[in-house]
């Protein structure tokens, strides 16, 4: 007799931001609305994302990542020690799209750097989880970035001198991520996934060259990144970890 398997589906994490939220981000940056007013609009966007996932019948929901500028921005928005890291700094590269989107080639912005010791100002995602859990009976999933994703911000040890090597910098990022996981688990989170698209980018010769310039072969780079990911995820009984490539 054929064995039956239960189907499982959930969102990767991010959903399209509604126009009202995107406009409110611009207004907040321009100082034309208060943080409190922005927060109400942000909360409404999260509520809409939850409702859409529940209406689709998903047993696992996220907050749609509505509170993030990018899936990579959790660290740089919550932690001091980075210089000139805006949205362009997180999205640079040569990207291929379909006939509607087309191809985009954004050069790496000047001045991106790890400028000092990383100091956590606030939690990366506990607010997201607490708000989400209070508004759904489904499994609440939180997404975190894979530590080695942030290699693209490294410009060398000469900026600030806090970390003598890219390895020591990424180990510190991993420590911050593991500490975040510990707090999420303490709050009751049972499903976390790591975003790690950098592993697939290594197949692109341009990206492979970027890492080679920093002293890594593709094999060494992937092995080191996986080592960091495993350390972030190990030792949390009862917690499911997903991995997004």
Protein backbone atom coordinates (compact mmCIF):
# COMPACT_ATOMS: atom_id res chain seq x y z
CA UNK A 1 0.00 0.00 0.00
CA UNK A 2 1.34 3.43 -0.94
CA UNK A 3 2.24 5.60 2.02
CA UNK A 4 0.25 8.82 2.32
CA UNK A 5 2.13 12.04 3.02
CA UNK A 6 0.57 15.16 4.47
CA UNK A 7 1.04 18.15 2.22
CA UNK A 8 2.64 21.19 3.79
CA UNK A 9 2.63 24.72 2.46
CA UNK A 10 3.40 28.17 3.81
CA UNK A 11 4.70 31.47 2.54
CA UNK A 12 8.41 32.02 2.14
CA UNK A 13 7.83 35.05 4.35
CA UNK A 14 7.62 38.22 2.33
CA UNK A 15 4.45 39.47 0.67
CA UNK A 16 3.89 42.51 -1.53
CA UNK A 17 3.63 45.71 0.49
CA UNK A 18 0.30 47.50 -0.04
CA UNK A 19 0.47 50.98 -1.61
CA UNK A 20 -0.66 52.63 1.64
CA UNK A 21 2.30 51.15 3.51
CA UNK A 22 4.82 52.17 0.85
CA UNK A 23 3.44 55.70 0.80
CA UNK A 24 3.53 55.83 4.60
CA UNK A 25 7.22 54.82 4.61
CA UNK A 26 7.96 57.76 2.33
CA UNK A 27 5.89 60.08 4.50
CA UNK A 28 7.66 58.92 7.65
CA UNK A 29 11.06 59.52 6.05
CA UNK A 30 9.91 62.98 4.98
CA UNK A 31 8.60 63.77 8.46
CA UNK A 32 5.04 64.38 7.27
CA UNK A 33 3.49 61.72 9.51
CA UNK A 34 4.30 60.75 13.08
CA UNK A 35 5.84 57.40 14.07
CA UNK A 36 2.57 56.56 15.82
CA UNK A 37 0.56 57.19 12.66
CA UNK A 38 3.00 55.10 10.64
CA UNK A 39 2.73 52.29 13.18
CA UNK A 40 -1.04 52.13 12.74
CA UNK A 41 -0.67 51.81 8.97
CA UNK A 42 2.04 49.18 9.39
CA UNK A 43 -0.15 47.18 11.77
CA UNK A 44 -3.04 47.31 9.27
CA UNK A 45 -0.72 45.94 6.57
CA UNK A 46 0.29 43.07 8.83
CA UNK A 47 -3.35 42.35 9.66
CA UNK A 48 -4.10 42.18 5.94
CA UNK A 49 -1.22 39.79 5.30
CA UNK A 50 -2.37 37.47 8.07
CA UNK A 51 -5.95 37.51 6.79
CA UNK A 52 -4.85 36.72 3.23
CA UNK A 53 -2.80 33.71 4.33
CA UNK A 54 -5.56 32.38 6.55
CA UNK A 55 -8.13 32.82 3.76
CA UNK A 56 -5.85 30.75 1.51
CA UNK A 57 -6.01 27.95 4.06
CA UNK A 58 -2.38 28.04 5.15
CA UNK A 59 -1.55 26.36 8.42
CA UNK A 60 1.60 28.45 8.82
CA UNK A 61 1.56 32.24 8.54
CA UNK A 62 4.07 35.08 8.71
CA UNK A 63 3.50 38.80 9.14
CA UNK A 64 4.34 39.25 5.45
CA UNK A 65 7.59 40.97 6.49
CA UNK A 66 5.63 44.22 6.33
CA UNK A 67 7.81 45.86 8.96
CA UNK A 68 11.04 45.39 6.99
CA UNK A 69 12.57 47.47 4.26
CA UNK A 70 14.06 44.25 2.89
CA UNK A 71 14.43 40.69 4.13
CA UNK A 72 18.09 41.62 4.70
CA UNK A 73 17.43 44.83 6.61
CA UNK A 74 16.63 43.27 9.98
CA UNK A 75 20.27 43.27 11.04
CA UNK A 76 21.31 46.66 9.66
CA UNK A 77 18.24 48.45 11.05
CA UNK A 78 18.62 46.98 14.55
CA UNK A 79 22.41 46.86 14.93
CA UNK A 80 25.00 49.65 14.93
CA UNK A 81 28.33 49.19 13.17
CA UNK A 82 27.41 49.57 9.51
CA UNK A 83 28.09 52.50 7.21
CA UNK A 84 26.13 53.65 4.15
CA UNK A 85 23.79 50.66 4.19
CA UNK A 86 20.52 51.64 2.55
CA UNK A 87 18.23 49.67 0.26
CA UNK A 88 20.65 50.00 -2.68
CA UNK A 89 23.39 48.47 -0.54
CA UNK A 90 21.19 45.41 -0.02
CA UNK A 91 20.02 44.99 -3.61
CA UNK A 92 23.08 45.63 -5.78
CA UNK A 93 23.99 43.10 -8.43
CA UNK A 94 23.05 41.94 -11.90
CA UNK A 95 19.55 40.48 -11.85
CA UNK A 96 17.64 38.75 -14.62
CA UNK A 97 13.88 39.16 -14.98
CA UNK A 98 11.10 38.19 -17.36
CA UNK A 99 9.88 40.18 -20.32
CA UNK A 100 7.95 42.51 -18.02
CA UNK A 101 10.64 43.21 -15.42
CA UNK A 102 13.67 42.83 -17.68
CA UNK A 103 17.28 42.75 -16.56
CA UNK A 104 18.67 45.13 -13.94
CA UNK A 105 22.32 45.84 -13.19
CA UNK A 106 22.91 47.92 -10.06
CA UNK A 107 26.55 48.63 -9.26
CA UNK A 108 27.76 48.13 -5.72
CA UNK A 109 27.36 51.54 -4.01
CA UNK A 110 30.48 53.28 -2.78
CA UNK A 111 31.20 53.49 0.92
CA UNK A 112 29.46 50.33 2.14
CA UNK A 113 31.43 49.14 5.14
CA UNK A 114 31.46 47.48 8.51
CA UNK A 115 32.57 50.61 10.31
CA UNK A 116 32.77 49.44 13.90
CA UNK A 117 31.87 46.84 16.47
CA UNK A 118 28.35 45.48 16.01
CA UNK A 119 26.12 46.67 18.85
CA UNK A 120 22.50 45.53 19.07
CA UNK A 121 20.15 48.47 19.74
CA UNK A 122 16.94 46.43 19.70
CA UNK A 123 15.69 42.96 18.92
CA UNK A 124 15.48 42.04 15.26
CA UNK A 125 12.14 40.26 15.11
CA UNK A 126 10.56 39.65 18.51
CA UNK A 127 8.03 42.45 18.01
CA UNK A 128 7.00 40.88 14.72
CA UNK A 129 6.48 37.51 16.38
CA UNK A 130 4.60 38.83 19.40
CA UNK A 131 2.18 40.82 17.24
CA UNK A 132 1.67 37.92 14.81
CA UNK A 133 1.09 35.30 17.52
CA UNK A 134 -1.58 37.47 19.15
CA UNK A 135 -3.57 37.64 15.90
CA UNK A 136 -3.61 34.12 14.56
CA UNK A 137 -4.35 30.60 15.75
CA UNK A 138 -2.13 29.18 13.01
CA UNK A 139 1.57 28.39 13.42
CA UNK A 140 3.45 31.71 13.50
CA UNK A 141 6.69 31.59 11.52
CA UNK A 142 9.55 34.09 11.80
CA UNK A 143 12.21 34.52 9.12
CA UNK A 144 15.81 35.48 9.85
CA UNK A 145 18.72 36.11 7.47
CA UNK A 146 21.50 33.58 7.15
CA UNK A 147 24.68 35.07 8.69
CA UNK A 148 26.88 34.71 5.61
CA UNK A 149 24.39 36.75 3.57
CA UNK A 150 26.13 39.82 4.99
CA UNK A 151 29.47 39.12 3.35
CA UNK A 152 28.35 41.56 0.66
CA UNK A 153 28.71 44.42 3.17
CA UNK A 154 32.33 43.64 4.05
CA UNK A 155 34.84 46.10 2.66
CA UNK A 156 37.89 45.16 4.69
CA UNK A 157 39.25 45.34 8.21
CA UNK A 158 40.57 48.87 7.74
CA UNK A 159 37.13 50.41 8.38
CA UNK A 160 36.89 50.74 12.15
CA UNK A 161 39.20 47.81 12.84
CA UNK A 162 36.62 46.00 14.98
CA UNK A 163 37.01 42.72 13.11
CA UNK A 164 40.36 41.57 11.67
CA UNK A 165 38.77 39.36 9.03
CA UNK A 166 35.51 38.73 7.24
CA UNK A 167 35.29 35.42 9.08
CA UNK A 168 35.38 37.13 12.49
CA UNK A 169 32.73 39.61 11.30
CA UNK A 170 30.39 36.87 10.10
CA UNK A 171 30.92 34.88 13.29
CA UNK A 172 29.70 37.93 15.21
CA UNK A 173 26.65 38.16 12.93
CA UNK A 174 25.96 34.48 13.65
CA UNK A 175 26.22 35.13 17.39
CA UNK A 176 23.62 37.91 17.08
CA UNK A 177 21.32 35.61 15.08
CA UNK A 178 21.67 32.78 17.58
CA UNK A 179 20.86 35.17 20.42
CA UNK A 180 17.76 36.28 18.49
CA UNK A 181 16.69 32.67 18.07
CA UNK A 182 17.10 32.15 21.82
CA UNK A 183 14.77 35.05 22.56
CA UNK A 184 12.20 33.92 19.98
CA UNK A 185 12.22 30.43 21.48
CA UNK A 186 11.82 31.91 24.96
CA UNK A 187 8.73 33.75 23.71
CA UNK A 188 7.27 30.53 22.35
CA UNK A 189 8.24 30.59 18.67
CA UNK A 190 8.36 27.07 17.21
CA UNK A 191 9.01 27.75 13.52
CA UNK A 192 11.92 29.80 12.15
CA UNK A 193 13.50 29.85 8.74
CA UNK A 194 16.77 31.28 7.48
CA UNK A 195 16.92 33.23 4.22
CA UNK A 196 20.02 32.13 2.33
CA UNK A 197 19.80 33.08 -1.37
CA UNK A 198 23.54 33.76 -1.37
CA UNK A 199 24.21 30.05 -1.86
CA UNK A 200 22.50 29.98 -5.24
CA UNK A 201 24.21 33.21 -6.32
CA UNK A 202 27.57 31.44 -6.14
CA UNK A 203 26.61 29.70 -9.41
CA UNK A 204 26.87 33.09 -11.13
CA UNK A 205 30.49 33.73 -12.23
CA UNK A 206 30.27 37.40 -11.20
CA UNK A 207 29.25 36.52 -7.65
CA UNK A 208 31.79 33.70 -7.50
CA UNK A 209 34.40 36.30 -8.42
CA UNK A 210 33.19 38.62 -5.66
CA UNK A 211 33.80 35.94 -3.05
CA UNK A 212 37.08 34.89 -4.63
CA UNK A 213 38.33 38.47 -4.21
CA UNK A 214 37.72 38.02 -0.49
CA UNK A 215 39.86 34.90 -0.36
CA UNK A 216 37.31 32.10 -0.72
CA UNK A 217 36.78 29.43 -3.29
CA UNK A 218 33.12 28.64 -3.92
CA UNK A 219 33.48 25.40 -1.95
CA UNK A 220 35.10 27.11 1.05
CA UNK A 221 32.54 29.89 1.03
CA UNK A 222 29.57 27.51 1.03
CA UNK A 223 31.15 25.28 3.71
CA UNK A 224 31.80 28.23 6.03
CA UNK A 225 28.31 29.62 5.53
CA UNK A 226 26.70 26.27 6.31
CA UNK A 227 28.83 25.96 9.43
CA UNK A 228 27.46 29.29 10.67
CA UNK A 229 23.87 28.37 9.76
CA UNK A 230 24.13 25.06 11.60
CA UNK A 231 25.43 26.81 14.71
CA UNK A 232 22.50 29.26 14.67
CA UNK A 233 20.00 26.39 14.33
CA UNK A 234 21.45 23.71 16.60
CA UNK A 235 20.26 22.89 20.10
CA UNK A 236 16.64 24.08 20.02
CA UNK A 237 14.40 21.05 20.73
CA UNK A 238 10.81 21.45 19.58
CA UNK A 239 11.66 24.17 17.05
CA UNK A 240 11.30 23.58 13.31
CA UNK A 241 13.82 25.32 11.06
CA UNK A 242 13.23 26.01 7.38
CA UNK A 243 15.75 27.14 4.81
CA UNK A 244 15.04 29.48 1.90
CA UNK A 245 17.48 29.38 -1.02
